[in-house]
């Protein structure tokens, strides 16, 4: 966990990193590992600044914190990573298990490295093939299907004050 934090923090002085530990003992161990690993790294001038943007949170569950953080990269350091991953609803790219560092995603294994930042994973996904494809949605109702929902449409359009929207339905239904 400490190595993952440092890997994110070495990007630039404004970089940030968060570790969510399930126990205080784990948080202490991460902090101790940071103290041991950090002096051995080359980009000390950057780490001296970015380390102030690092946080270790203790939360026995951790999932709610992960989903609230909606991080660009989420590393689940657990032998039970697959089951935990299924509870994550907001993250750009999820790295599962003790042998899956973010570095693999950055340089070797994929997945995509264009990821939502600044908690945007709450409503956005990594860049993907669909971002480069044009597609259209389509609808096709029969007269009886339109008639079946006409009252609901009227209720909704009336609530919004959009009578022309409702007329676009009623004109069709009243047309012979």
Protein backbone atom coordinates (compact mmCIF):
# COMPACT_ATOMS: atom_id res chain seq x y z
CA UNK A 1 0.00 0.00 0.00
CA UNK A 2 2.83 2.39 0.79
CA UNK A 3 4.48 1.67 -2.56
CA UNK A 4 1.19 2.43 -4.36
CA UNK A 5 0.82 5.72 -2.48
CA UNK A 6 4.36 6.74 -3.37
CA UNK A 7 3.88 5.76 -7.01
CA UNK A 8 0.96 8.18 -7.24
CA UNK A 9 2.70 10.91 -5.25
CA UNK A 10 5.79 10.95 -7.47
CA UNK A 11 3.79 12.34 -10.41
CA UNK A 12 3.93 15.99 -9.35
CA UNK A 13 3.95 18.21 -6.25
CA UNK A 14 0.15 18.53 -6.33
CA UNK A 15 -0.49 14.78 -6.61
CA UNK A 16 -2.59 13.15 -3.91
CA UNK A 17 -3.09 9.63 -2.65
CA UNK A 18 -5.40 7.98 -0.14
CA UNK A 19 -5.08 4.64 1.61
CA UNK A 20 -8.12 3.16 3.30
CA UNK A 21 -7.07 0.73 5.99
CA UNK A 22 -9.54 -1.57 7.71
CA UNK A 23 -7.65 -1.48 11.02
CA UNK A 24 -5.43 0.94 12.91
CA UNK A 25 -2.64 -1.65 12.82
CA UNK A 26 -2.73 -1.67 9.02
CA UNK A 27 -2.68 2.14 8.93
CA UNK A 28 0.36 2.19 11.21
CA UNK A 29 2.10 -0.43 9.06
CA UNK A 30 1.45 1.62 5.90
CA UNK A 31 2.82 4.75 7.57
CA UNK A 32 5.92 2.88 8.74
CA UNK A 33 6.46 1.44 5.25
CA UNK A 34 6.18 4.96 3.78
CA UNK A 35 8.95 6.13 6.10
CA UNK A 36 11.19 3.26 4.99
CA UNK A 37 10.46 3.35 1.24
CA UNK A 38 10.33 7.09 0.58
CA UNK A 39 14.00 7.97 1.24
CA UNK A 40 15.09 5.34 -1.31
CA UNK A 41 13.26 7.02 -4.22
CA UNK A 42 14.71 9.47 -6.75
CA UNK A 43 12.04 12.17 -6.96
CA UNK A 44 12.45 13.52 -3.42
CA UNK A 45 11.83 17.13 -4.46
CA UNK A 46 8.36 16.16 -5.68
CA UNK A 47 7.62 13.75 -2.82
CA UNK A 48 8.56 16.46 -0.29
CA UNK A 49 5.56 18.45 -1.54
CA UNK A 50 3.06 15.77 -2.53
CA UNK A 51 3.40 13.78 0.71
CA UNK A 52 1.32 16.55 2.29
CA UNK A 53 -1.55 15.41 0.04
CA UNK A 54 -1.44 11.82 1.28
CA UNK A 55 -3.98 10.48 3.73
CA UNK A 56 -4.44 7.18 5.50
CA UNK A 57 -8.04 6.60 6.60
CA UNK A 58 -9.16 3.86 8.99
CA UNK A 59 -12.57 2.40 8.18
CA UNK A 60 -13.41 -1.21 9.14
CA UNK A 61 -15.59 -1.64 6.04
CA UNK A 62 -13.82 0.68 3.61
CA UNK A 63 -16.27 0.22 0.73
CA UNK A 64 -18.26 3.37 1.45
CA UNK A 65 -15.02 5.37 1.60
CA UNK A 66 -13.91 3.89 -1.72
CA UNK A 67 -17.19 4.74 -3.38
CA UNK A 68 -17.20 8.26 -1.93
CA UNK A 69 -13.63 8.86 -3.09
CA UNK A 70 -14.53 7.64 -6.61
CA UNK A 71 -10.83 7.46 -7.36
CA UNK A 72 -9.06 7.37 -10.68
CA UNK A 73 -7.15 4.26 -9.56
CA UNK A 74 -8.38 1.91 -6.86
CA UNK A 75 -6.07 -0.82 -5.61
CA UNK A 76 -7.70 -3.53 -3.52
CA UNK A 77 -4.89 -5.17 -1.58
CA UNK A 78 -6.71 -8.22 -0.32
CA UNK A 79 -6.82 -11.92 -1.05
CA UNK A 80 -10.58 -11.35 -1.23
CA UNK A 81 -10.25 -8.57 -3.85
CA UNK A 82 -12.71 -10.03 -6.36
CA UNK A 83 -15.55 -10.12 -3.85
CA UNK A 84 -14.69 -6.63 -2.60
CA UNK A 85 -14.54 -5.30 -6.18
CA UNK A 86 -18.15 -6.32 -6.73
CA UNK A 87 -19.16 -3.83 -4.02
CA UNK A 88 -17.32 -0.92 -5.65
CA UNK A 89 -19.62 1.32 -7.65
CA UNK A 90 -17.34 4.29 -8.33
CA UNK A 91 -13.75 3.96 -9.53
CA UNK A 92 -11.95 4.64 -12.78
CA UNK A 93 -9.78 1.53 -12.88
CA UNK A 94 -9.71 -1.17 -10.22
CA UNK A 95 -6.60 -3.25 -9.55
CA UNK A 96 -7.44 -6.45 -7.68
CA UNK A 97 -5.20 -8.42 -5.39
CA UNK A 98 -1.73 -8.18 -3.92
CA UNK A 99 0.04 -8.78 -7.26
CA UNK A 100 -1.75 -6.18 -9.38
CA UNK A 101 -0.05 -2.80 -9.02
CA UNK A 102 -1.25 0.28 -10.88
CA UNK A 103 2.11 0.23 -12.67
CA UNK A 104 0.84 -2.76 -14.69
CA UNK A 105 -2.09 -0.69 -15.93
CA UNK A 106 0.17 2.27 -16.65
CA UNK A 107 2.77 0.40 -18.70
CA UNK A 108 1.99 -3.21 -19.58
CA UNK A 109 -1.40 -4.79 -19.07
CA UNK A 110 -3.87 -2.01 -19.73
CA UNK A 111 -6.64 -1.21 -19.02
CA UNK A 112 -7.08 2.18 -20.52
CA UNK A 113 -4.99 4.89 -18.91
CA UNK A 114 -7.40 7.75 -19.71
CA UNK A 115 -9.43 7.71 -16.51
CA UNK A 116 -11.91 9.98 -14.73
CA UNK A 117 -10.17 12.19 -12.17
CA UNK A 118 -11.32 14.39 -9.28
CA UNK A 119 -14.14 12.03 -8.21
CA UNK A 120 -15.61 12.02 -11.73
CA UNK A 121 -15.82 8.21 -11.54
CA UNK A 122 -19.17 8.84 -9.78
CA UNK A 123 -20.67 9.65 -13.20
CA UNK A 124 -18.03 8.91 -15.82
CA UNK A 125 -16.11 5.90 -17.14
CA UNK A 126 -12.63 5.38 -18.53
CA UNK A 127 -12.16 6.38 -22.15
CA UNK A 128 -13.25 3.44 -24.28
CA UNK A 129 -14.06 2.29 -27.79
CA UNK A 130 -17.62 3.62 -27.51
CA UNK A 131 -16.22 7.15 -27.14
CA UNK A 132 -15.00 6.88 -30.75
CA UNK A 133 -18.10 5.30 -32.21
CA UNK A 134 -21.17 7.09 -33.45
CA UNK A 135 -24.41 5.37 -32.73
CA UNK A 136 -28.07 6.27 -32.48
CA UNK A 137 -30.83 5.04 -30.26
CA UNK A 138 -34.15 4.22 -31.83
CA UNK A 139 -37.79 3.81 -30.82
CA UNK A 140 -40.74 2.36 -32.65
CA UNK A 141 -44.23 2.36 -31.08
CA UNK A 142 -47.45 1.09 -32.60
CA UNK A 143 -50.63 3.16 -32.34
CA UNK A 144 -51.89 0.85 -29.58
CA UNK A 145 -48.59 1.12 -27.67
CA UNK A 146 -48.70 4.93 -27.91
CA UNK A 147 -52.32 4.92 -26.80
CA UNK A 148 -51.40 2.79 -23.78
CA UNK A 149 -48.98 5.44 -22.47
CA UNK A 150 -50.84 8.57 -23.64
CA UNK A 151 -52.33 9.35 -20.22
CA UNK A 152 -48.91 9.07 -18.55
CA UNK A 153 -47.39 11.33 -21.21
CA UNK A 154 -50.20 13.83 -20.65
CA UNK A 155 -49.54 13.83 -16.90
CA UNK A 156 -45.82 14.43 -17.35
CA UNK A 157 -46.11 17.06 -20.08
CA UNK A 158 -48.83 18.90 -18.15
CA UNK A 159 -46.63 18.95 -15.05
CA UNK A 160 -43.88 20.60 -17.08
CA UNK A 161 -46.27 22.92 -18.91
CA UNK A 162 -45.30 21.51 -22.31
CA UNK A 163 -48.62 21.24 -24.10
CA UNK A 164 -46.99 21.07 -27.54
CA UNK A 165 -45.21 17.91 -26.42
CA UNK A 166 -48.55 16.38 -25.47
CA UNK A 167 -50.13 17.58 -28.73
CA UNK A 168 -47.47 15.65 -30.68
CA UNK A 169 -48.99 12.54 -29.08
CA UNK A 170 -52.68 13.39 -29.32
CA UNK A 171 -52.46 14.51 -32.98
CA UNK A 172 -51.09 11.11 -33.90
CA UNK A 173 -53.72 9.23 -31.92
CA UNK A 174 -56.57 11.30 -33.36
CA UNK A 175 -55.30 10.99 -36.94
CA UNK A 176 -57.18 8.54 -39.10
